Amino acid sequence: MAHAVYQTKAYILQTITRKEANEILVCFSERFGLIYVSSQSTRKQSSKMRMHIHNNSLVMIDVVQGRGMWRLTGIHPLVSSFFYVESGWYPLMVRYGETMMRLLAGEESHAEVWDDVEQLFTAIQEDKKVKAAPVYEIIMMARLLYHLGYWNDNYMFIKDSLTFDDTYIAEVRKNKTKIIKHINHGLSISQL
């Protein structure tokens, strides 16, 4: 029986070790939202896929739908976390990924959230103002809450498409305390 193979970009949020050589990948994917992907024998030395499975990496994955869980059939790196692991970007990506796992409800596509993820990886690749990473984190968290319905303020960096320009950075720095308070409120009302 043939299975349909789906290819989608994905942000690897977490890897969970199963048995001796298997893993479960928690991914936020462009096509399917938050998905759990079973990967067989990818921790073995002989596995060709193991070198591309890293938390906080942007990848292209090939998956088939199994009973209750997706199965990994291929993986291709786009932006490895090794590229930015020693920069100020990495802690931002860890916290953002943890928040995504907390707030996203499962297999539901979130195009706006995905666009923000791609813009963030583009900024990482261009090594845009890594000193402003804490401000970017505030922007990303606020936009995530907005896209998921837990935010109602009208800041420019929320309503416009995501760019990391000086206007938005100045707006966040000016209203930092108020925005952080609003982020914490959004997280608490989510009850997740």
N, C-alpha and C. Protein backbone atom coordinates (compact mmCIF):
# COMPACT_ATOMS: atom_id res chain seq x y z
N MET A 1 0.84 -1.17 0.00
CA MET A 1 0.00 0.00 0.00
C MET A 1 0.88 1.23 0.00
N ALA A 2 0.66 2.13 -0.92
CA ALA A 2 1.48 3.34 -1.05
C ALA A 2 0.99 4.41 -0.07
N HIS A 3 1.93 5.13 0.48
CA HIS A 3 1.62 6.24 1.38
C HIS A 3 2.02 7.53 0.69
N ALA A 4 1.21 8.56 0.88
CA ALA A 4 1.55 9.87 0.34
C ALA A 4 2.68 10.48 1.15
N VAL A 5 3.71 10.96 0.47
CA VAL A 5 4.83 11.61 1.14
C VAL A 5 4.62 13.11 1.03
N TYR A 6 4.62 13.77 2.18
CA TYR A 6 4.44 15.21 2.23
C TYR A 6 5.77 15.87 2.53
N GLN A 7 6.04 16.97 1.85
CA GLN A 7 7.26 17.72 2.12
C GLN A 7 6.86 19.10 2.63
N THR A 8 7.47 19.51 3.72
CA THR A 8 7.15 20.80 4.32
C THR A 8 8.37 21.34 5.06
N LYS A 9 8.45 22.65 5.12
CA LYS A 9 9.48 23.27 5.96
C LYS A 9 9.04 23.11 7.40
N ALA A 10 10.01 22.97 8.29
CA ALA A 10 9.69 22.77 9.71
C ALA A 10 10.77 23.37 10.59
N TYR A 11 10.34 23.85 11.72
CA TYR A 11 11.22 24.37 12.77
C TYR A 11 11.21 23.30 13.87
N ILE A 12 12.36 22.67 14.11
CA ILE A 12 12.44 21.61 15.13
C ILE A 12 12.48 22.26 16.51
N LEU A 13 11.43 22.02 17.28
CA LEU A 13 11.31 22.61 18.61
C LEU A 13 11.96 21.75 19.69
N GLN A 14 11.85 20.44 19.54
CA GLN A 14 12.37 19.54 20.57
C GLN A 14 12.58 18.16 19.97
N THR A 15 13.58 17.44 20.49
CA THR A 15 13.78 16.04 20.14
C THR A 15 13.67 15.22 21.42
N ILE A 16 12.94 14.13 21.33
CA ILE A 16 12.72 13.26 22.49
C ILE A 16 13.27 11.89 22.14
N THR A 17 14.18 11.37 22.94
CA THR A 17 14.79 10.06 22.71
C THR A 17 13.81 8.95 23.04
N ARG A 18 13.71 7.98 22.13
CA ARG A 18 12.86 6.82 22.33
C ARG A 18 13.68 5.57 22.05
N LYS A 19 13.56 4.62 22.95
CA LYS A 19 14.29 3.36 22.85
C LYS A 19 15.79 3.64 22.69
N GLU A 20 16.47 2.78 21.95
CA GLU A 20 17.92 2.91 21.84
C GLU A 20 18.36 3.90 20.77
N ALA A 21 17.67 3.92 19.63
CA ALA A 21 18.15 4.73 18.52
C ALA A 21 17.07 5.59 17.86
N ASN A 22 15.85 5.57 18.41
CA ASN A 22 14.75 6.32 17.80
C ASN A 22 14.57 7.67 18.48
N GLU A 23 13.88 8.56 17.78
CA GLU A 23 13.58 9.87 18.33
C GLU A 23 12.18 10.29 17.90
N ILE A 24 11.61 11.18 18.70
CA ILE A 24 10.37 11.85 18.31
C ILE A 24 10.74 13.32 18.17
N LEU A 25 10.42 13.90 17.03
CA LEU A 25 10.68 15.31 16.79
C LEU A 25 9.38 16.08 16.98
N VAL A 26 9.45 17.13 17.77
CA VAL A 26 8.32 18.04 17.89
C VAL A 26 8.66 19.20 16.96
N CYS A 27 7.84 19.37 15.92
CA CYS A 27 8.13 20.35 14.87
C CYS A 27 6.95 21.29 14.67
N PHE A 28 7.26 22.54 14.40
CA PHE A 28 6.24 23.46 13.91
C PHE A 28 6.46 23.54 12.41
N SER A 29 5.49 23.04 11.66
CA SER A 29 5.66 22.94 10.22
C SER A 29 4.81 23.98 9.48
N GLU A 30 5.25 24.30 8.29
CA GLU A 30 4.55 25.28 7.47
C GLU A 30 3.17 24.79 7.06
N ARG A 31 3.05 23.53 6.69
CA ARG A 31 1.79 23.00 6.17
C ARG A 31 0.85 22.48 7.24
N PHE A 32 1.38 21.93 8.33
CA PHE A 32 0.54 21.20 9.26
C PHE A 32 0.52 21.76 10.68
N GLY A 33 1.24 22.82 10.95
CA GLY A 33 1.30 23.35 12.31
C GLY A 33 2.20 22.49 13.18
N LEU A 34 1.81 22.34 14.45
CA LEU A 34 2.61 21.56 15.40
C LEU A 34 2.36 20.08 15.16
N ILE A 35 3.44 19.36 14.86
CA ILE A 35 3.32 17.92 14.60
C ILE A 35 4.39 17.16 15.37
N TYR A 36 4.08 15.89 15.64
CA TYR A 36 5.02 14.98 16.28
C TYR A 36 5.44 13.98 15.22
N VAL A 37 6.75 13.85 15.02
CA VAL A 37 7.29 13.02 13.95
C VAL A 37 8.19 11.95 14.53
N SER A 38 7.89 10.71 14.25
CA SER A 38 8.70 9.58 14.69
C SER A 38 9.84 9.36 13.69
N SER A 39 11.04 9.25 14.21
CA SER A 39 12.19 8.96 13.34
C SER A 39 12.85 7.67 13.84
N GLN A 40 12.95 6.72 12.96
CA GLN A 40 13.48 5.40 13.31
C GLN A 40 14.99 5.33 13.07
N SER A 41 15.70 4.88 14.06
CA SER A 41 17.15 4.61 13.98
C SER A 41 17.99 5.83 13.61
N THR A 42 17.51 7.03 13.88
CA THR A 42 18.27 8.23 13.50
C THR A 42 19.39 8.56 14.48
N ARG A 43 19.46 7.86 15.59
CA ARG A 43 20.55 8.11 16.53
C ARG A 43 21.73 7.17 16.29
N LYS A 44 21.58 6.24 15.36
CA LYS A 44 22.68 5.33 15.04
C LYS A 44 23.77 6.07 14.27
N GLN A 45 25.00 5.65 14.43
CA GLN A 45 26.13 6.26 13.73
C GLN A 45 25.97 6.17 12.21
N SER A 46 25.33 5.13 11.75
CA SER A 46 25.19 4.92 10.30
C SER A 46 24.06 5.74 9.67
N SER A 47 23.26 6.40 10.48
CA SER A 47 22.12 7.16 9.95
C SER A 47 22.59 8.42 9.23
N LYS A 48 22.08 8.61 8.02
CA LYS A 48 22.43 9.81 7.26
C LYS A 48 21.61 11.01 7.71
N MET A 49 20.47 10.78 8.35
CA MET A 49 19.62 11.88 8.79
C MET A 49 20.03 12.47 10.13
N ARG A 50 20.80 11.73 10.91
CA ARG A 50 21.08 12.17 12.27
C ARG A 50 21.84 13.49 12.35
N MET A 51 22.62 13.80 11.34
CA MET A 51 23.40 15.04 11.36
C MET A 51 22.55 16.28 11.12
N HIS A 52 21.30 16.09 10.72
CA HIS A 52 20.43 17.23 10.42
C HIS A 52 19.33 17.43 11.46
N ILE A 53 19.28 16.57 12.46
CA ILE A 53 18.24 16.66 13.48
C ILE A 53 18.82 17.37 14.70
N HIS A 54 18.52 18.65 14.81
CA HIS A 54 18.99 19.47 15.93
C HIS A 54 17.88 20.40 16.36
N ASN A 55 17.70 20.54 17.65
CA ASN A 55 16.72 21.50 18.15
C ASN A 55 17.02 22.89 17.60
N ASN A 56 15.96 23.66 17.37
CA ASN A 56 16.04 25.06 16.92
C ASN A 56 16.67 25.22 15.55
N SER A 57 16.50 24.22 14.71
CA SER A 57 16.97 24.30 13.33
C SER A 57 15.78 24.41 12.39
N LEU A 58 16.00 25.05 11.26
CA LEU A 58 14.99 25.12 10.21
C LEU A 58 15.36 24.08 9.17
N VAL A 59 14.42 23.19 8.86
CA VAL A 59 14.69 22.08 7.96
C VAL A 59 13.53 21.89 6.98
N MET A 60 13.79 21.13 5.95
CA MET A 60 12.74 20.64 5.06
C MET A 60 12.60 19.16 5.39
N ILE A 61 11.40 18.75 5.75
CA ILE A 61 11.20 17.35 6.12
C ILE A 61 10.25 16.66 5.13
N ASP A 62 10.50 15.38 4.94
CA ASP A 62 9.61 14.52 4.17
C ASP A 62 8.96 13.59 5.19
N VAL A 63 7.62 13.58 5.22
CA VAL A 63 6.91 12.79 6.21
C VAL A 63 5.76 12.03 5.57
N VAL A 64 5.41 10.91 6.18
CA VAL A 64 4.20 10.17 5.81
C VAL A 64 3.34 10.06 7.07
N GLN A 65 2.04 10.03 6.86
CA GLN A 65 1.16 9.96 8.01
C GLN A 65 0.96 8.52 8.43
N GLY A 66 1.32 8.24 9.67
CA GLY A 66 1.15 6.90 10.23
C GLY A 66 -0.03 6.90 11.18
N ARG A 67 -0.18 5.85 11.92
CA ARG A 67 -1.26 5.76 12.90
C ARG A 67 -0.92 6.62 14.11
N GLY A 68 -1.58 7.74 14.22
CA GLY A 68 -1.41 8.59 15.38
C GLY A 68 -0.18 9.48 15.35
N MET A 69 0.74 9.26 14.44
CA MET A 69 1.95 10.07 14.41
C MET A 69 2.53 10.08 13.00
N TRP A 70 3.18 11.16 12.67
CA TRP A 70 3.88 11.26 11.39
C TRP A 70 5.18 10.47 11.48
N ARG A 71 5.66 9.99 10.34
CA ARG A 71 6.94 9.28 10.29
C ARG A 71 7.88 10.03 9.36
N LEU A 72 9.11 10.19 9.80
CA LEU A 72 10.13 10.90 9.03
C LEU A 72 10.72 9.97 7.97
N THR A 73 10.73 10.46 6.71
CA THR A 73 11.36 9.68 5.64
C THR A 73 12.55 10.41 5.04
N GLY A 74 12.68 11.71 5.32
CA GLY A 74 13.82 12.47 4.81
C GLY A 74 13.89 13.82 5.51
N ILE A 75 15.10 14.36 5.57
CA ILE A 75 15.29 15.66 6.20
C ILE A 75 16.43 16.37 5.48
N HIS A 76 16.24 17.66 5.24
CA HIS A 76 17.23 18.46 4.53
C HIS A 76 17.42 19.77 5.29
N PRO A 77 18.64 20.11 5.68
CA PRO A 77 18.86 21.31 6.48
C PRO A 77 18.69 22.59 5.66
N LEU A 78 18.09 23.60 6.28
CA LEU A 78 18.00 24.94 5.70
C LEU A 78 18.84 25.92 6.52
N VAL A 79 18.59 25.96 7.84
CA VAL A 79 19.41 26.76 8.75
C VAL A 79 19.66 25.92 10.00
N SER A 80 20.88 25.45 10.16
CA SER A 80 21.23 24.64 11.33
C SER A 80 21.44 25.52 12.55
N SER A 81 21.04 25.01 13.71
CA SER A 81 21.27 25.76 14.94
C SER A 81 22.76 25.89 15.25
N PHE A 82 23.60 25.05 14.66
CA PHE A 82 25.04 25.19 14.84
C PHE A 82 25.55 26.49 14.25
N PHE A 83 24.82 27.03 13.29
CA PHE A 83 25.18 28.30 12.65
C PHE A 83 25.16 29.46 13.64
N TYR A 84 24.25 29.42 14.63
CA TYR A 84 24.09 30.56 15.53
C TYR A 84 24.11 30.18 17.02
N VAL A 85 24.54 28.97 17.33
CA VAL A 85 24.47 28.47 18.70
C VAL A 85 25.25 29.32 19.70
N GLU A 86 26.33 29.96 19.28
CA GLU A 86 27.14 30.74 20.21
C GLU A 86 26.79 32.22 20.18
N SER A 87 25.71 32.58 19.51
CA SER A 87 25.31 33.99 19.44
C SER A 87 24.15 34.26 20.39
N GLY A 88 23.74 35.51 20.46
CA GLY A 88 22.60 35.90 21.28
C GLY A 88 21.27 35.42 20.73
N TRP A 89 21.28 34.89 19.50
CA TRP A 89 20.06 34.39 18.90
C TRP A 89 19.58 33.09 19.55
N TYR A 90 20.52 32.26 19.96
CA TYR A 90 20.14 30.91 20.41
C TYR A 90 19.21 30.93 21.63
N PRO A 91 19.51 31.69 22.69
CA PRO A 91 18.57 31.71 23.83
C PRO A 91 17.18 32.22 23.43
N LEU A 92 17.13 33.18 22.52
CA LEU A 92 15.85 33.67 22.02
C LEU A 92 15.06 32.53 21.38
N MET A 93 15.72 31.76 20.52
CA MET A 93 15.05 30.67 19.80
C MET A 93 14.59 29.57 20.76
N VAL A 94 15.36 29.30 21.80
CA VAL A 94 14.96 28.29 22.78
C VAL A 94 13.68 28.73 23.49
N ARG A 95 13.65 29.96 24.00
CA ARG A 95 12.47 30.45 24.70
C ARG A 95 11.26 30.57 23.78
N TYR A 96 11.49 31.01 22.55
CA TYR A 96 10.39 31.14 21.59
C TYR A 96 9.81 29.76 21.25
N GLY A 97 10.69 28.78 21.04
CA GLY A 97 10.23 27.42 20.76
C GLY A 97 9.44 26.82 21.92
N GLU A 98 9.90 27.04 23.15
CA GLU A 98 9.19 26.53 24.32
C GLU A 98 7.81 27.16 24.42
N THR A 99 7.72 28.46 24.13
CA THR A 99 6.43 29.15 24.17
C THR A 99 5.51 28.63 23.08
N MET A 100 6.06 28.37 21.90
CA MET A 100 5.25 27.81 20.81
C MET A 100 4.66 26.45 21.21
N MET A 101 5.48 25.59 21.81
CA MET A 101 4.99 24.27 22.22
C MET A 101 3.89 24.41 23.27
N ARG A 102 4.01 25.42 24.10
CA ARG A 102 3.03 25.65 25.15
C ARG A 102 1.69 26.15 24.59
N LEU A 103 1.74 27.01 23.57
CA LEU A 103 0.53 27.68 23.10
C LEU A 103 -0.15 27.04 21.89
N LEU A 104 0.60 26.36 21.05
CA LEU A 104 -0.01 25.81 19.84
C LEU A 104 -0.75 24.51 20.16
N ALA A 105 -1.91 24.36 19.56
CA ALA A 105 -2.81 23.28 19.94
C ALA A 105 -2.65 22.01 19.12
N GLY A 106 -1.77 21.97 18.19
CA GLY A 106 -1.61 20.74 17.43
C GLY A 106 -1.67 20.99 15.94
N GLU A 107 -2.11 19.99 15.23
CA GLU A 107 -2.06 20.03 13.77
C GLU A 107 -3.06 21.04 13.20
N GLU A 108 -2.67 22.26 13.21
CA GLU A 108 -3.45 23.35 12.63
C GLU A 108 -2.46 24.35 12.05
N SER A 109 -2.61 24.63 10.78
CA SER A 109 -1.70 25.55 10.11
C SER A 109 -1.90 26.97 10.62
N HIS A 110 -0.80 27.66 10.90
CA HIS A 110 -0.82 29.05 11.34
C HIS A 110 0.11 29.83 10.41
N ALA A 111 -0.43 30.31 9.30
CA ALA A 111 0.38 30.96 8.27
C ALA A 111 1.11 32.19 8.80
N GLU A 112 0.44 32.99 9.63
CA GLU A 112 1.08 34.22 10.14
C GLU A 112 2.25 33.88 11.06
N VAL A 113 2.06 32.88 11.90
CA VAL A 113 3.13 32.46 12.81
C VAL A 113 4.29 31.91 11.99
N TRP A 114 3.98 31.11 10.96
CA TRP A 114 5.04 30.56 10.12
C TRP A 114 5.82 31.67 9.42
N ASP A 115 5.13 32.69 8.91
CA ASP A 115 5.81 33.81 8.26
C ASP A 115 6.78 34.49 9.23
N ASP A 116 6.36 34.64 10.49
CA ASP A 116 7.24 35.24 11.50
C ASP A 116 8.47 34.37 11.75
N VAL A 117 8.28 33.06 11.81
CA VAL A 117 9.41 32.13 12.01
C VAL A 117 10.41 32.27 10.86
N GLU A 118 9.91 32.30 9.63
CA GLU A 118 10.81 32.45 8.48
C GLU A 118 11.55 33.78 8.51
N GLN A 119 10.86 34.85 8.88
CA GLN A 119 11.52 36.16 8.97
C GLN A 119 12.60 36.15 10.05
N LEU A 120 12.33 35.46 11.14
CA LEU A 120 13.32 35.37 12.21
C LEU A 120 14.56 34.61 11.74
N PHE A 121 14.37 33.50 11.05
CA PHE A 121 15.52 32.76 10.53
C PHE A 121 16.27 33.56 9.47
N THR A 122 15.56 34.37 8.70
CA THR A 122 16.22 35.25 7.73
C THR A 122 17.10 36.26 8.46
N ALA A 123 16.57 36.84 9.54
CA ALA A 123 17.35 37.80 10.33
C ALA A 123 18.58 37.14 10.95
N ILE A 124 18.42 35.89 11.40
CA ILE A 124 19.55 35.15 11.97
C ILE A 124 20.63 34.94 10.91
N GLN A 125 20.22 34.53 9.72
CA GLN A 125 21.19 34.29 8.65
C GLN A 125 21.91 35.57 8.26
N GLU A 126 21.21 36.69 8.28
CA GLU A 126 21.83 37.96 7.92
C GLU A 126 22.59 38.54 9.11
N ASP A 127 22.48 37.86 10.27
CA ASP A 127 23.13 38.29 11.52
C ASP A 127 22.76 39.73 11.84
N LYS A 128 21.49 40.04 11.69
CA LYS A 128 20.99 41.38 11.95
C LYS A 128 21.13 41.71 13.43
N LYS A 129 21.80 42.75 13.74
CA LYS A 129 21.84 43.38 15.06
C LYS A 129 21.62 42.40 16.21
N VAL A 130 22.52 41.49 16.37
CA VAL A 130 22.36 40.47 17.41
C VAL A 130 22.26 41.11 18.80
N LYS A 131 22.76 42.33 18.96
CA LYS A 131 22.64 43.02 20.24
C LYS A 131 21.19 43.36 20.55
N ALA A 132 20.34 43.43 19.53
CA ALA A 132 18.92 43.75 19.72
C ALA A 132 18.08 42.49 19.90
N ALA A 133 18.71 41.33 20.08
CA ALA A 133 17.97 40.07 20.21
C ALA A 133 16.93 40.11 21.34
N PRO A 134 17.20 40.72 22.50
CA PRO A 134 16.14 40.80 23.53
C PRO A 134 14.91 41.56 23.05
N VAL A 135 15.11 42.58 22.25
CA VAL A 135 13.98 43.34 21.70
C VAL A 135 13.24 42.47 20.69
N TYR A 136 13.97 41.72 19.87
CA TYR A 136 13.33 40.83 18.91
C TYR A 136 12.49 39.77 19.64
N GLU A 137 12.99 39.31 20.77
CA GLU A 137 12.23 38.33 21.54
C GLU A 137 10.89 38.89 21.99
N ILE A 138 10.89 40.12 22.44
CA ILE A 138 9.64 40.78 22.85
C ILE A 138 8.70 40.88 21.65
N ILE A 139 9.24 41.29 20.51
CA ILE A 139 8.43 41.41 19.29
C ILE A 139 7.83 40.06 18.91
N MET A 140 8.65 39.01 18.91
CA MET A 140 8.19 37.69 18.51
C MET A 140 7.13 37.13 19.47
N MET A 141 7.34 37.32 20.77
CA MET A 141 6.37 36.81 21.74
C MET A 141 5.04 37.55 21.61
N ALA A 142 5.09 38.86 21.47
CA ALA A 142 3.87 39.65 21.33
C ALA A 142 3.12 39.26 20.05
N ARG A 143 3.86 39.09 18.96
CA ARG A 143 3.21 38.72 17.70
C ARG A 143 2.62 37.31 17.77
N LEU A 144 3.30 36.38 18.45
CA LEU A 144 2.76 35.03 18.62
C LEU A 144 1.44 35.09 19.38
N LEU A 145 1.41 35.84 20.47
CA LEU A 145 0.17 35.98 21.24
C LEU A 145 -0.93 36.64 20.41
N TYR A 146 -0.56 37.62 19.59
CA TYR A 146 -1.53 38.30 18.74
C TYR A 146 -2.12 37.33 17.71
N HIS A 147 -1.27 36.57 17.04
CA HIS A 147 -1.75 35.63 16.02
C HIS A 147 -2.63 34.54 16.61
N LEU A 148 -2.42 34.20 17.87
CA LEU A 148 -3.20 33.14 18.50
C LEU A 148 -4.41 33.67 19.28
N GLY A 149 -4.60 35.00 19.27
CA GLY A 149 -5.79 35.60 19.88
C GLY A 149 -5.67 35.99 21.34
N TYR A 150 -4.45 36.11 21.86
CA TYR A 150 -4.26 36.48 23.25
C TYR A 150 -3.71 37.90 23.41
N TRP A 151 -3.89 38.75 22.42
CA TRP A 151 -3.30 40.10 22.43
C TRP A 151 -4.27 41.04 21.73
N ASN A 152 -4.42 42.29 22.25
CA ASN A 152 -5.34 43.20 21.61
C ASN A 152 -4.84 44.65 21.50
N ASP A 153 -3.58 44.92 21.78
CA ASP A 153 -3.04 46.28 21.61
C ASP A 153 -2.72 46.55 20.15
N ASN A 154 -2.52 47.81 19.80
CA ASN A 154 -2.34 48.21 18.40
C ASN A 154 -0.95 48.76 18.11
N TYR A 155 0.08 48.12 18.56
CA TYR A 155 1.43 48.57 18.25
C TYR A 155 1.74 48.33 16.77
N MET A 156 2.60 49.17 16.21
CA MET A 156 2.97 49.02 14.80
C MET A 156 3.62 47.67 14.53
N PHE A 157 4.50 47.24 15.43
CA PHE A 157 5.23 45.99 15.19
C PHE A 157 4.31 44.77 15.24
N ILE A 158 3.09 44.93 15.74
CA ILE A 158 2.13 43.84 15.77
C ILE A 158 1.31 43.81 14.49
N LYS A 159 0.78 44.95 14.10
CA LYS A 159 -0.16 45.02 12.98
C LYS A 159 0.52 44.88 11.62
N ASP A 160 1.72 45.41 11.47
CA ASP A 160 2.42 45.37 10.19
C ASP A 160 3.07 44.00 9.99
N SER A 161 3.53 43.75 8.78
CA SER A 161 4.28 42.52 8.55
C SER A 161 5.61 42.63 9.29
N LEU A 162 6.15 41.50 9.68
CA LEU A 162 7.34 41.48 10.53
C LEU A 162 8.58 41.93 9.78
N THR A 163 9.18 42.97 10.29
CA THR A 163 10.52 43.38 9.88
C THR A 163 11.23 43.83 11.14
N PHE A 164 12.51 43.70 11.14
CA PHE A 164 13.29 44.11 12.31
C PHE A 164 13.97 45.43 12.00
N ASP A 165 13.18 46.47 11.80
CA ASP A 165 13.78 47.76 11.50
C ASP A 165 13.83 48.64 12.75
N ASP A 166 14.53 49.75 12.63
CA ASP A 166 14.78 50.62 13.78
C ASP A 166 13.51 51.24 14.35
N THR A 167 12.48 51.45 13.52
CA THR A 167 11.23 52.04 14.00
C THR A 167 10.58 51.13 15.03
N TYR A 168 10.51 49.84 14.73
CA TYR A 168 9.90 48.88 15.65
C TYR A 168 10.74 48.69 16.91
N ILE A 169 12.05 48.66 16.72
CA ILE A 169 12.93 48.52 17.88
C ILE A 169 12.76 49.70 18.82
N ALA A 170 12.67 50.92 18.29
CA ALA A 170 12.45 52.11 19.11
C ALA A 170 11.11 52.05 19.82
N GLU A 171 10.07 51.59 19.12
CA GLU A 171 8.74 51.48 19.73
C GLU A 171 8.75 50.50 20.89
N VAL A 172 9.42 49.37 20.73
CA VAL A 172 9.48 48.38 21.80
C VAL A 172 10.30 48.90 22.97
N ARG A 173 11.43 49.52 22.69
CA ARG A 173 12.26 50.05 23.79
C ARG A 173 11.51 51.13 24.58
N LYS A 174 10.73 51.94 23.89
CA LYS A 174 9.98 53.02 24.55
C LYS A 174 8.89 52.46 25.46
N ASN A 175 8.24 51.38 25.06
CA ASN A 175 7.11 50.81 25.80
C ASN A 175 7.41 49.44 26.40
N LYS A 176 8.68 49.16 26.65
CA LYS A 176 9.12 47.82 27.04
C LYS A 176 8.37 47.27 28.26
N THR A 177 8.27 48.04 29.33
CA THR A 177 7.65 47.56 30.56
C THR A 177 6.17 47.22 30.32
N LYS A 178 5.48 48.08 29.62
CA LYS A 178 4.06 47.87 29.33
C LYS A 178 3.86 46.64 28.44
N ILE A 179 4.72 46.48 27.45
CA ILE A 179 4.59 45.34 26.53
C ILE A 179 4.87 44.03 27.26
N ILE A 180 5.91 43.98 28.08
CA ILE A 180 6.23 42.76 28.82
C ILE A 180 5.09 42.40 29.76
N LYS A 181 4.50 43.40 30.40
CA LYS A 181 3.36 43.16 31.28
C LYS A 181 2.19 42.56 30.47
N HIS A 182 2.00 43.08 29.29
CA HIS A 182 0.92 42.58 28.43
C HIS A 182 1.22 41.15 27.94
N ILE A 183 2.48 40.86 27.65
CA ILE A 183 2.87 39.49 27.26
C ILE A 183 2.58 38.53 28.40
N ASN A 184 2.99 38.89 29.61
CA ASN A 184 2.74 38.03 30.77
C ASN A 184 1.25 37.83 31.00
N HIS A 185 0.46 38.88 30.79
CA HIS A 185 -0.99 38.77 30.93
C HIS A 185 -1.54 37.81 29.87
N GLY A 186 -1.08 37.95 28.63
CA GLY A 186 -1.54 37.05 27.56
C GLY A 186 -1.21 35.60 27.84
N LEU A 187 -0.01 35.36 28.38
CA LEU A 187 0.37 33.98 28.73
C LEU A 187 -0.50 33.43 29.86
N SER A 188 -0.82 34.29 30.83
CA SER A 188 -1.65 33.81 31.94
C SER A 188 -3.10 33.55 31.52
N ILE A 189 -3.67 34.39 30.63
CA ILE A 189 -5.05 34.14 30.22
C ILE A 189 -5.16 32.95 29.27
N SER A 190 -4.05 32.57 28.66
CA SER A 190 -4.09 31.38 27.79
C SER A 190 -4.34 30.12 28.61
N GLN A 191 -4.03 30.15 29.90
CA GLN A 191 -4.17 29.03 30.83
C GLN A 191 -3.45 27.77 30.33
N LEU A 192 -2.38 27.97 29.58
CA LEU A 192 -1.62 26.83 29.07
C LEU A 192 -0.25 26.78 29.73
